[in-house]
Amino acid sequence: MPFGRRRNRIDRSLRERGVPPEPQQRIRDVEATTGPWDEGDAPDDGVTRIDLGAIRLPALPGMDLRVELNPQQKVIGATLRHGNSQLQVAAFAAPRAAGIWDEIRVELARTASGQGASLREVEGPFGVELAGTVVAALPPQPGQQAPQAVRRPARFLGVDGPRWFLRGLLSGSPVAGAEAETAALEQAFRGIVVVRGSEPMPVREPLPLALPPQAAAQLAAQQAAQQAAQQAAQQAAQRAAQQPGQQAVQQPGQQAVQQPGQQTTPPQAGGRPGAGPVPPPAAGPA
């Protein structure tokens, strides 16, 4: 008789006699890491982190945080700036059994090559990464009709965590002396804590981000002031139209107002972990 069946018979006999079964503990194999961190393994290092929902970014000296908003004012990405260098980060749902960085790396290299970038796989502080140069457009200078395109050093970082994937785009400055800025942004990437949550999500679905409470309150106040100015302008225009012989006067606040953090994101860091459109995943919910 097979050993497994005999063991099952013994266990069933014990249950019939009212003997409780021995407790079974499942030990999850977790690879040791020095960061980025999962919420369940976050270190008690005393570092202040900015809570953006699924991502908690360390607040390090000399860095400026900017967020990207969609037309519905939802956060879709975050960027840390340090000097002339920047780090764009985004987190995505991943399957339980395996990571997705290997396949995403191939997609990024293919798409970036079509956009004039030159990237190759190298071994970095977070494992295999894509490093090289990308073509970026600089803001137009006075007297220039079109922005000037230059090549900038760039690195795509990827870390597979428990049911999540964290991607970083580290772009440096073409001038000399940017090594210290890059090292500081690497430290920031290592200190990120990812909050995956327990709800099922499609593979490669961006994890939800949110503004910190103080920033959200400031944005809400700015939007309320803009709406009030627009309503006042409309009422003034209606009164002017009802009084013949008077010209409508443009009221303050009628110009377009740019919300904080609505900068343009480079094509390499879109809303999906791979550059360009990504076909629906064949895998089930993560």
C-alpha atoms as a PDB file:
ATOM      1  CA  MET A   1       0.000   0.000   0.000  1.00  0.00           C
ATOM      2  CA  PRO A   2       1.413   3.410  -0.880  1.00  0.00           C
ATOM      3  CA  PHE A   3       2.752   5.460   1.992  1.00  0.00           C
ATOM      4  CA  GLY A   4       0.482   8.381   1.262  1.00  0.00           C
ATOM      5  CA  ARG A   5      -2.721   6.337   1.542  1.00  0.00           C
ATOM      6  CA  ARG A   6      -1.578   4.700   4.771  1.00  0.00           C
ATOM      7  CA  ARG A   7      -0.870   8.108   6.271  1.00  0.00           C
ATOM      8  CA  ASN A   8      -4.319   9.346   5.264  1.00  0.00           C
ATOM      9  CA  ARG A   9      -5.942   6.341   6.953  1.00  0.00           C
ATOM     10  CA  ILE A  10      -4.029   7.033  10.184  1.00  0.00           C
ATOM     11  CA  ASP A  11      -5.057  10.706  10.130  1.00  0.00           C
ATOM     12  CA  ARG A  12      -8.695   9.791   9.536  1.00  0.00           C
ATOM     13  CA  SER A  13      -8.608   7.285  12.404  1.00  0.00           C
ATOM     14  CA  LEU A  14      -7.225   9.954  14.745  1.00  0.00           C
ATOM     15  CA  ARG A  15      -9.958  12.391  13.775  1.00  0.00           C
ATOM     16  CA  GLU A  16     -12.619   9.758  14.443  1.00  0.00           C
ATOM     17  CA  ARG A  17     -11.260   9.301  17.982  1.00  0.00           C
ATOM     18  CA  GLY A  18     -11.306  13.072  18.602  1.00  0.00           C
ATOM     19  CA  VAL A  19      -7.522  13.535  18.523  1.00  0.00           C
ATOM     20  CA  PRO A  20      -6.746  16.971  17.039  1.00  0.00           C
ATOM     21  CA  PRO A  21      -4.330  16.933  14.095  1.00  0.00           C
ATOM     22  CA  GLU A  22      -0.853  18.367  14.452  1.00  0.00           C
ATOM     23  CA  PRO A  23      -0.629  22.006  13.349  1.00  0.00           C
ATOM     24  CA  GLN A  24       1.008  22.454   9.949  1.00  0.00           C
ATOM     25  CA  GLN A  25       3.030  25.569   9.228  1.00  0.00           C
ATOM     26  CA  ARG A  26       3.756  26.684   5.714  1.00  0.00           C
ATOM     27  CA  ILE A  27       7.117  28.346   5.342  1.00  0.00           C
ATOM     28  CA  ARG A  28       7.251  30.803   2.432  1.00  0.00           C
ATOM     29  CA  ASP A  29      10.564  30.849   0.634  1.00  0.00           C
ATOM     30  CA  VAL A  30      11.583  34.509   0.616  1.00  0.00           C
ATOM     31  CA  GLU A  31      14.801  35.614  -1.030  1.00  0.00           C
ATOM     32  CA  ALA A  32      16.847  37.924   1.156  1.00  0.00           C
ATOM     33  CA  THR A  33      16.779  41.513  -0.052  1.00  0.00           C
ATOM     34  CA  THR A  34      18.219  44.878   0.820  1.00  0.00           C
ATOM     35  CA  GLY A  35      15.418  46.731  -0.972  1.00  0.00           C
ATOM     36  CA  PRO A  36      13.111  47.625  -2.542  1.00  0.00           C
ATOM     37  CA  TRP A  37      10.808  46.173   0.082  1.00  0.00           C
ATOM     38  CA  ASP A  38       7.438  44.522   0.316  1.00  0.00           C
ATOM     39  CA  GLU A  39       5.061  45.961   2.907  1.00  0.00           C
ATOM     40  CA  GLY A  40       5.329  42.758   4.945  1.00  0.00           C
ATOM     41  CA  ASP A  41       9.136  43.010   5.069  1.00  0.00           C
ATOM     42  CA  ALA A  42       9.512  46.783   5.403  1.00  0.00           C
ATOM     43  CA  PRO A  43      12.490  47.677   7.602  1.00  0.00           C
ATOM     44  CA  ASP A  44      12.219  49.731  10.765  1.00  0.00           C
ATOM     45  CA  ASP A  45      14.991  52.065   9.622  1.00  0.00           C
ATOM     46  CA  GLY A  46      13.502  55.362  10.791  1.00  0.00           C
ATOM     47  CA  VAL A  47      13.359  56.749   7.241  1.00  0.00           C
ATOM     48  CA  THR A  48      10.407  59.047   6.553  1.00  0.00           C
ATOM     49  CA  ARG A  49       8.461  57.850   3.512  1.00  0.00           C
ATOM     50  CA  ILE A  50       5.865  59.650   1.407  1.00  0.00           C
ATOM     51  CA  ASP A  51       2.705  57.555   1.180  1.00  0.00           C
ATOM     52  CA  LEU A  52       1.475  57.407  -2.429  1.00  0.00           C
ATOM     53  CA  GLY A  53      -0.790  54.419  -1.899  1.00  0.00           C
ATOM     54  CA  ALA A  54       0.853  51.425  -3.548  1.00  0.00           C
ATOM     55  CA  ILE A  55       4.307  53.059  -3.316  1.00  0.00           C
ATOM     56  CA  ARG A  56       5.989  54.615  -0.311  1.00  0.00           C
ATOM     57  CA  LEU A  57       8.919  56.762  -1.418  1.00  0.00           C
ATOM     58  CA  PRO A  58      11.720  57.682   0.992  1.00  0.00           C
ATOM     59  CA  ALA A  59      11.973  61.416   1.632  1.00  0.00           C
ATOM     60  CA  LEU A  60      15.688  62.053   1.189  1.00  0.00           C
ATOM     61  CA  PRO A  61      17.433  65.455   1.413  1.00  0.00           C
ATOM     62  CA  GLY A  62      17.875  67.412  -1.796  1.00  0.00           C
ATOM     63  CA  MET A  63      15.179  65.542  -3.753  1.00  0.00           C
ATOM     64  CA  ASP A  64      12.023  66.922  -5.305  1.00  0.00           C
ATOM     65  CA  LEU A  65       8.948  64.715  -5.784  1.00  0.00           C
ATOM     66  CA  ARG A  66       6.587  65.272  -8.703  1.00  0.00           C
ATOM     67  CA  VAL A  67       3.555  63.204  -9.622  1.00  0.00           C
ATOM     68  CA  GLU A  68       1.920  62.674 -13.015  1.00  0.00           C
ATOM     69  CA  LEU A  69      -1.857  63.120 -13.170  1.00  0.00           C
ATOM     70  CA  ASN A  70      -4.287  61.968 -15.838  1.00  0.00           C
ATOM     71  CA  PRO A  71      -7.205  64.168 -17.007  1.00  0.00           C
ATOM     72  CA  GLN A  72      -9.324  62.738 -14.174  1.00  0.00           C
ATOM     73  CA  GLN A  73      -6.704  64.011 -11.683  1.00  0.00           C
ATOM     74  CA  LYS A  74      -5.676  60.475 -10.745  1.00  0.00           C
ATOM     75  CA  VAL A  75      -2.029  59.781  -9.966  1.00  0.00           C
ATOM     76  CA  ILE A  76      -0.434  57.564 -12.643  1.00  0.00           C
ATOM     77  CA  GLY A  77       3.254  57.949 -11.839  1.00  0.00           C
ATOM     78  CA  ALA A  78       5.847  59.531  -9.582  1.00  0.00           C
ATOM     79  CA  THR A  79       9.227  61.119 -10.302  1.00  0.00           C
ATOM     80  CA  LEU A  80      12.073  61.939  -7.945  1.00  0.00           C
ATOM     81  CA  ARG A  81      14.423  64.688  -9.124  1.00  0.00           C
ATOM     82  CA  HIS A  82      17.889  65.259  -7.768  1.00  0.00           C
ATOM     83  CA  GLY A  83      19.897  67.941  -9.503  1.00  0.00           C
ATOM     84  CA  ASN A  84      19.839  67.211 -13.226  1.00  0.00           C
ATOM     85  CA  SER A  85      18.907  63.540 -12.776  1.00  0.00           C
ATOM     86  CA  GLN A  86      15.545  61.931 -12.190  1.00  0.00           C
ATOM     87  CA  LEU A  87      13.982  58.599 -11.257  1.00  0.00           C
ATOM     88  CA  GLN A  88      10.521  57.637 -12.501  1.00  0.00           C
ATOM     89  CA  VAL A  89       8.871  54.759 -10.642  1.00  0.00           C
ATOM     90  CA  ALA A  90       5.714  52.710 -11.118  1.00  0.00           C
ATOM     91  CA  ALA A  91       4.420  49.446  -9.629  1.00  0.00           C
ATOM     92  CA  PHE A  92       2.348  46.733 -11.299  1.00  0.00           C
ATOM     93  CA  ALA A  93       0.557  43.530 -10.391  1.00  0.00           C
ATOM     94  CA  ALA A  94       2.484  40.341 -11.110  1.00  0.00           C
ATOM     95  CA  PRO A  95       1.665  36.604 -11.008  1.00  0.00           C
ATOM     96  CA  ARG A  96       2.157  34.493  -7.916  1.00  0.00           C
ATOM     97  CA  ALA A  97       4.531  31.920  -9.364  1.00  0.00           C
ATOM     98  CA  ALA A  98       7.021  33.896 -11.448  1.00  0.00           C
ATOM     99  CA  GLY A  99       8.288  37.397 -12.177  1.00  0.00           C
ATOM    100  CA  ILE A 100       7.736  39.431 -15.340  1.00  0.00           C
ATOM    101  CA  TRP A 101      10.945  41.498 -15.537  1.00  0.00           C
ATOM    102  CA  ASP A 102      12.588  39.149 -18.048  1.00  0.00           C
ATOM    103  CA  GLU A 103       9.833  39.528 -20.650  1.00  0.00           C
ATOM    104  CA  ILE A 104       9.306  43.225 -19.961  1.00  0.00           C
ATOM    105  CA  ARG A 105      13.011  43.849 -20.454  1.00  0.00           C
ATOM    106  CA  VAL A 106      12.819  42.371 -23.964  1.00  0.00           C
ATOM    107  CA  GLU A 107       9.808  44.549 -24.823  1.00  0.00           C
ATOM    108  CA  LEU A 108      11.473  47.701 -23.491  1.00  0.00           C
ATOM    109  CA  ALA A 109      14.661  47.078 -25.461  1.00  0.00           C
ATOM    110  CA  ARG A 110      12.723  46.460 -28.690  1.00  0.00           C
ATOM    111  CA  THR A 111      10.489  49.511 -28.343  1.00  0.00           C
ATOM    112  CA  ALA A 112      13.265  51.829 -27.185  1.00  0.00           C
ATOM    113  CA  SER A 113      15.431  50.781 -30.123  1.00  0.00           C
ATOM    114  CA  GLY A 114      12.686  51.893 -32.494  1.00  0.00           C
ATOM    115  CA  GLN A 115      12.708  55.306 -30.819  1.00  0.00           C
ATOM    116  CA  GLY A 116      16.437  55.853 -31.328  1.00  0.00           C
ATOM    117  CA  ALA A 117      17.626  54.569 -27.958  1.00  0.00           C
ATOM    118  CA  SER A 118      20.685  52.370 -27.500  1.00  0.00           C
ATOM    119  CA  LEU A 119      20.273  49.933 -24.592  1.00  0.00           C
ATOM    120  CA  ARG A 120      21.915  46.685 -23.572  1.00  0.00           C
ATOM    121  CA  GLU A 121      21.587  44.277 -20.680  1.00  0.00           C
ATOM    122  CA  VAL A 122      24.109  44.730 -17.879  1.00  0.00           C
ATOM    123  CA  GLU A 123      24.415  43.548 -14.312  1.00  0.00           C
ATOM    124  CA  GLY A 124      23.508  46.328 -11.892  1.00  0.00           C
ATOM    125  CA  PRO A 125      22.942  46.762  -8.164  1.00  0.00           C
ATOM    126  CA  PHE A 126      19.381  45.392  -8.510  1.00  0.00           C
ATOM    127  CA  GLY A 127      20.185  42.534 -10.879  1.00  0.00           C
ATOM    128  CA  VAL A 128      19.959  42.590 -14.657  1.00  0.00           C
ATOM    129  CA  GLU A 129      18.998  45.993 -16.050  1.00  0.00           C
ATOM    130  CA  LEU A 130      18.922  47.877 -19.338  1.00  0.00           C
ATOM    131  CA  ALA A 131      21.535  50.616 -19.622  1.00  0.00           C
ATOM    132  CA  GLY A 132      22.578  52.981 -22.393  1.00  0.00           C
ATOM    133  CA  THR A 133      21.205  56.211 -23.835  1.00  0.00           C
ATOM    134  CA  VAL A 134      17.775  57.503 -24.820  1.00  0.00           C
ATOM    135  CA  VAL A 135      16.720  60.449 -26.947  1.00  0.00           C
ATOM    136  CA  ALA A 136      15.055  63.161 -24.867  1.00  0.00           C
ATOM    137  CA  ALA A 137      13.650  66.530 -25.895  1.00  0.00           C
ATOM    138  CA  LEU A 138      14.918  69.544 -23.970  1.00  0.00           C
ATOM    139  CA  PRO A 139      12.615  72.511 -23.313  1.00  0.00           C
ATOM    140  CA  PRO A 140      12.808  75.023 -26.197  1.00  0.00           C
ATOM    141  CA  GLN A 141      15.071  77.995 -25.628  1.00  0.00           C
ATOM    142  CA  PRO A 142      14.055  81.579 -26.438  1.00  0.00           C
ATOM    143  CA  GLY A 143      14.140  82.049 -30.179  1.00  0.00           C
ATOM    144  CA  GLN A 144      13.897  78.320 -30.944  1.00  0.00           C
ATOM    145  CA  GLN A 145      10.856  77.008 -32.777  1.00  0.00           C
ATOM    146  CA  ALA A 146      11.231  73.361 -31.768  1.00  0.00           C
ATOM    147  CA  PRO A 147      12.711  71.626 -28.722  1.00  0.00           C
ATOM    148  CA  GLN A 148      16.221  70.313 -29.093  1.00  0.00           C
ATOM    149  CA  ALA A 149      16.697  66.537 -28.878  1.00  0.00           C
ATOM    150  CA  VAL A 150      19.736  65.234 -27.022  1.00  0.00           C
ATOM    151  CA  ARG A 151      20.979  61.857 -25.854  1.00  0.00           C
ATOM    152  CA  ARG A 152      20.848  61.247 -22.133  1.00  0.00           C
ATOM    153  CA  PRO A 153      22.217  58.341 -20.081  1.00  0.00           C
ATOM    154  CA  ALA A 154      19.353  56.081 -18.987  1.00  0.00           C
ATOM    155  CA  ARG A 155      18.850  52.863 -17.057  1.00  0.00           C
ATOM    156  CA  PHE A 156      15.737  50.740 -16.743  1.00  0.00           C
ATOM    157  CA  LEU A 157      15.573  49.023 -13.346  1.00  0.00           C
ATOM    158  CA  GLY A 158      13.224  46.159 -12.572  1.00  0.00           C
ATOM    159  CA  VAL A 159      12.499  44.244  -9.366  1.00  0.00           C
ATOM    160  CA  ASP A 160      10.091  41.302  -9.065  1.00  0.00           C
ATOM    161  CA  GLY A 161       8.449  41.148  -5.642  1.00  0.00           C
ATOM    162  CA  PRO A 162       5.710  38.974  -4.129  1.00  0.00           C
ATOM    163  CA  ARG A 163       2.847  39.504  -6.611  1.00  0.00           C
ATOM    164  CA  TRP A 164       4.190  42.898  -7.676  1.00  0.00           C
ATOM    165  CA  PHE A 165       6.723  44.329 -10.092  1.00  0.00           C
ATOM    166  CA  LEU A 166       8.524  47.638  -9.550  1.00  0.00           C
ATOM    167  CA  ARG A 167       9.987  49.501 -12.515  1.00  0.00           C
ATOM    168  CA  GLY A 168      12.322  52.465 -12.403  1.00  0.00           C
ATOM    169  CA  LEU A 169      13.663  54.699 -15.170  1.00  0.00           C
ATOM    170  CA  LEU A 170      16.837  56.409 -14.009  1.00  0.00           C
ATOM    171  CA  SER A 171      17.950  59.122 -16.421  1.00  0.00           C
ATOM    172  CA  GLY A 172      21.087  61.090 -15.683  1.00  0.00           C
ATOM    173  CA  SER A 173      22.623  64.269 -16.927  1.00  0.00           C
ATOM    174  CA  PRO A 174      24.949  64.331 -19.956  1.00  0.00           C
ATOM    175  CA  VAL A 175      27.325  66.642 -18.073  1.00  0.00           C
ATOM    176  CA  ALA A 176      30.119  65.331 -15.918  1.00  0.00           C
ATOM    177  CA  GLY A 177      29.753  64.967 -12.182  1.00  0.00           C
ATOM    178  CA  ALA A 178      26.316  63.313 -12.156  1.00  0.00           C
ATOM    179  CA  GLU A 179      27.560  60.142 -10.447  1.00  0.00           C
ATOM    180  CA  ALA A 180      26.631  61.457  -6.993  1.00  0.00           C
ATOM    181  CA  GLU A 181      23.090  62.254  -8.162  1.00  0.00           C
ATOM    182  CA  THR A 182      22.713  58.767  -9.647  1.00  0.00           C
ATOM    183  CA  ALA A 183      23.958  57.104  -6.461  1.00  0.00           C
ATOM    184  CA  ALA A 184      21.458  59.092  -4.371  1.00  0.00           C
ATOM    185  CA  LEU A 185      18.555  58.084  -6.640  1.00  0.00           C
ATOM    186  CA  GLU A 186      19.680  54.446  -6.450  1.00  0.00           C
ATOM    187  CA  GLN A 187      19.475  54.746  -2.670  1.00  0.00           C
ATOM    188  CA  ALA A 188      15.953  56.144  -3.000  1.00  0.00           C
ATOM    189  CA  PHE A 189      14.902  53.262  -5.273  1.00  0.00           C
ATOM    190  CA  ARG A 190      16.305  50.761  -2.778  1.00  0.00           C
ATOM    191  CA  GLY A 191      14.297  52.330   0.028  1.00  0.00           C
ATOM    192  CA  ILE A 192      10.905  52.073  -1.732  1.00  0.00           C
ATOM    193  CA  VAL A 193       8.188  50.044   0.017  1.00  0.00           C
ATOM    194  CA  VAL A 194       5.526  48.482  -2.251  1.00  0.00           C
ATOM    195  CA  VAL A 195       2.011  47.949  -0.869  1.00  0.00           C
ATOM    196  CA  ARG A 196       0.454  45.275  -3.097  1.00  0.00           C
ATOM    197  CA  GLY A 197      -2.813  44.682  -1.268  1.00  0.00           C
ATOM    198  CA  SER A 198      -4.745  41.412  -1.191  1.00  0.00           C
ATOM    199  CA  GLU A 199      -7.311  42.019  -3.934  1.00  0.00           C
ATOM    200  CA  PRO A 200      -6.895  40.074  -7.201  1.00  0.00           C
ATOM    201  CA  MET A 201      -5.680  42.143 -10.153  1.00  0.00           C
ATOM    202  CA  PRO A 202      -4.817  41.371 -13.786  1.00  0.00           C
ATOM    203  CA  VAL A 203      -1.131  40.830 -14.441  1.00  0.00           C
ATOM    204  CA  ARG A 204       0.607  44.111 -15.429  1.00  0.00           C
ATOM    205  CA  GLU A 205      -2.230  46.219 -14.091  1.00  0.00           C
ATOM    206  CA  PRO A 206      -0.766  49.383 -12.480  1.00  0.00           C
ATOM    207  CA  LEU A 207      -1.114  49.373  -8.716  1.00  0.00           C
ATOM    208  CA  PRO A 208      -3.289  52.301  -7.586  1.00  0.00           C
ATOM    209  CA  LEU A 209      -1.504  55.469  -6.500  1.00  0.00           C
ATOM    210  CA  ALA A 210      -2.841  58.446  -4.569  1.00  0.00           C
ATOM    211  CA  LEU A 211      -1.687  61.877  -3.491  1.00  0.00           C
ATOM    212  CA  PRO A 212      -0.636  62.407   0.126  1.00  0.00           C
ATOM    213  CA  PRO A 213      -3.458  64.018   2.156  1.00  0.00           C
ATOM    214  CA  GLN A 214      -1.799  67.463   2.300  1.00  0.00           C
ATOM    215  CA  ALA A 215      -1.086  67.546  -1.439  1.00  0.00           C
ATOM    216  CA  ALA A 216      -4.592  66.292  -2.215  1.00  0.00           C
ATOM    217  CA  ALA A 217      -6.080  69.086  -0.097  1.00  0.00           C
ATOM    218  CA  GLN A 218      -3.955  71.702  -1.892  1.00  0.00           C
ATOM    219  CA  LEU A 219      -5.015  70.376  -5.289  1.00  0.00           C
ATOM    220  CA  ALA A 220      -8.686  70.351  -4.267  1.00  0.00           C
ATOM    221  CA  ALA A 221      -8.421  73.964  -3.063  1.00  0.00           C
ATOM    222  CA  GLN A 222      -6.761  75.029  -6.319  1.00  0.00           C
ATOM    223  CA  GLN A 223      -9.474  73.327  -8.363  1.00  0.00           C
ATOM    224  CA  ALA A 224     -12.204  74.953  -6.266  1.00  0.00           C
ATOM    225  CA  ALA A 225     -10.627  78.397  -6.770  1.00  0.00           C
ATOM    226  CA  GLN A 226     -10.388  77.790 -10.520  1.00  0.00           C
ATOM    227  CA  GLN A 227     -14.041  76.750 -10.727  1.00  0.00           C
ATOM    228  CA  ALA A 228     -15.112  79.806  -8.698  1.00  0.00           C
ATOM    229  CA  ALA A 229     -13.159  82.103 -11.040  1.00  0.00           C
ATOM    230  CA  GLN A 230     -14.752  80.493 -14.075  1.00  0.00           C
ATOM    231  CA  GLN A 231     -18.246  80.878 -12.610  1.00  0.00           C
ATOM    232  CA  ALA A 232     -17.578  84.540 -11.797  1.00  0.00           C
ATOM    233  CA  ALA A 233     -16.377  85.144 -15.349  1.00  0.00           C
ATOM    234  CA  GLN A 234     -19.482  83.520 -16.802  1.00  0.00           C
ATOM    235  CA  GLN A 235     -21.767  85.612 -14.588  1.00  0.00           C
ATOM    236  CA  ALA A 236     -19.925  88.793 -15.546  1.00  0.00           C
ATOM    237  CA  ALA A 237     -20.266  87.930 -19.231  1.00  0.00           C
ATOM    238  CA  GLN A 238     -24.001  87.334 -18.824  1.00  0.00           C
ATOM    239  CA  ARG A 239     -24.482  90.686 -17.072  1.00  0.00           C
ATOM    240  CA  ALA A 240     -22.505  92.465 -19.787  1.00  0.00           C
ATOM    241  CA  ALA A 241     -24.620  90.824 -22.481  1.00  0.00           C
ATOM    242  CA  GLN A 242     -27.801  92.067 -20.799  1.00  0.00           C
ATOM    243  CA  GLN A 243     -26.548  95.679 -20.724  1.00  0.00           C
ATOM    244  CA  PRO A 244     -26.301  97.124 -24.272  1.00  0.00           C
ATOM    245  CA  GLY A 245     -23.390  99.362 -25.079  1.00  0.00           C
ATOM    246  CA  GLN A 246     -21.020  97.696 -22.665  1.00  0.00           C
ATOM    247  CA  GLN A 247     -18.158  95.476 -23.743  1.00  0.00           C
ATOM    248  CA  ALA A 248     -17.492  92.192 -22.030  1.00  0.00           C
ATOM    249  CA  VAL A 249     -14.387  92.350 -19.894  1.00  0.00           C
ATOM    250  CA  GLN A 250     -12.241  89.264 -19.399  1.00  0.00           C
ATOM    251  CA  GLN A 251     -12.258  88.358 -15.753  1.00  0.00           C
ATOM    252  CA  PRO A 252      -9.199  87.122 -13.892  1.00  0.00           C
ATOM    253  CA  GLY A 253      -8.842  83.374 -13.781  1.00  0.00           C
ATOM    254  CA  GLN A 254      -9.990  82.683 -17.334  1.00  0.00           C
ATOM    255  CA  GLN A 255      -6.598  81.518 -18.483  1.00  0.00           C
ATOM    256  CA  ALA A 256      -5.671  77.854 -18.473  1.00  0.00           C
ATOM    257  CA  VAL A 257      -4.221  76.749 -15.154  1.00  0.00           C
ATOM    258  CA  GLN A 258      -1.691  73.930 -15.107  1.00  0.00           C
ATOM    259  CA  GLN A 259      -2.107  71.566 -12.203  1.00  0.00           C
ATOM    260  CA  PRO A 260       1.013  70.711 -10.219  1.00  0.00           C
ATOM    261  CA  GLY A 261       2.765  67.575 -11.392  1.00  0.00           C
ATOM    262  CA  GLN A 262       1.239  67.472 -14.886  1.00  0.00           C
ATOM    263  CA  GLN A 263       4.571  67.205 -16.667  1.00  0.00           C
ATOM    264  CA  THR A 264       4.922  65.083 -19.762  1.00  0.00           C
ATOM    265  CA  THR A 265       6.185  61.554 -19.185  1.00  0.00           C
ATOM    266  CA  PRO A 266       8.749  60.169 -21.676  1.00  0.00           C
ATOM    267  CA  PRO A 267       7.486  57.353 -23.926  1.00  0.00           C
ATOM    268  CA  GLN A 268       9.672  54.826 -22.121  1.00  0.00           C
ATOM    269  CA  ALA A 269       7.685  55.256 -18.901  1.00  0.00           C
ATOM    270  CA  GLY A 270       4.039  54.968 -19.907  1.00  0.00           C
ATOM    271  CA  GLY A 271       1.160  53.531 -17.924  1.00  0.00           C
ATOM    272  CA  ARG A 272       2.274  49.961 -18.591  1.00  0.00           C
ATOM    273  CA  PRO A 273       5.470  48.269 -17.406  1.00  0.00           C
ATOM    274  CA  GLY A 274       6.642  47.735 -20.993  1.00  0.00           C
ATOM    275  CA  ALA A 275       6.987  50.607 -23.442  1.00  0.00           C
ATOM    276  CA  GLY A 276       4.163  50.874 -25.937  1.00  0.00           C
ATOM    277  CA  PRO A 277       0.878  48.969 -25.981  1.00  0.00           C
ATOM    278  CA  VAL A 278       0.946  45.604 -24.244  1.00  0.00           C
ATOM    279  CA  PRO A 279      -1.390  42.785 -25.330  1.00  0.00           C
ATOM    280  CA  PRO A 280      -3.753  41.368 -22.684  1.00  0.00           C
ATOM    281  CA  PRO A 281      -1.882  38.856 -20.486  1.00  0.00           C
ATOM    282  CA  ALA A 282      -2.613  35.181 -20.905  1.00  0.00           C
ATOM    283  CA  ALA A 283      -2.171  34.557 -17.186  1.00  0.00           C
ATOM    284  CA  GLY A 284      -5.062  34.806 -14.756  1.00  0.00           C
ATOM    285  CA  PRO A 285      -5.471  37.269 -11.889  1.00  0.00           C
ATOM    286  CA  ALA A 286      -2.425  37.734  -9.721  1.00  0.00           C
END
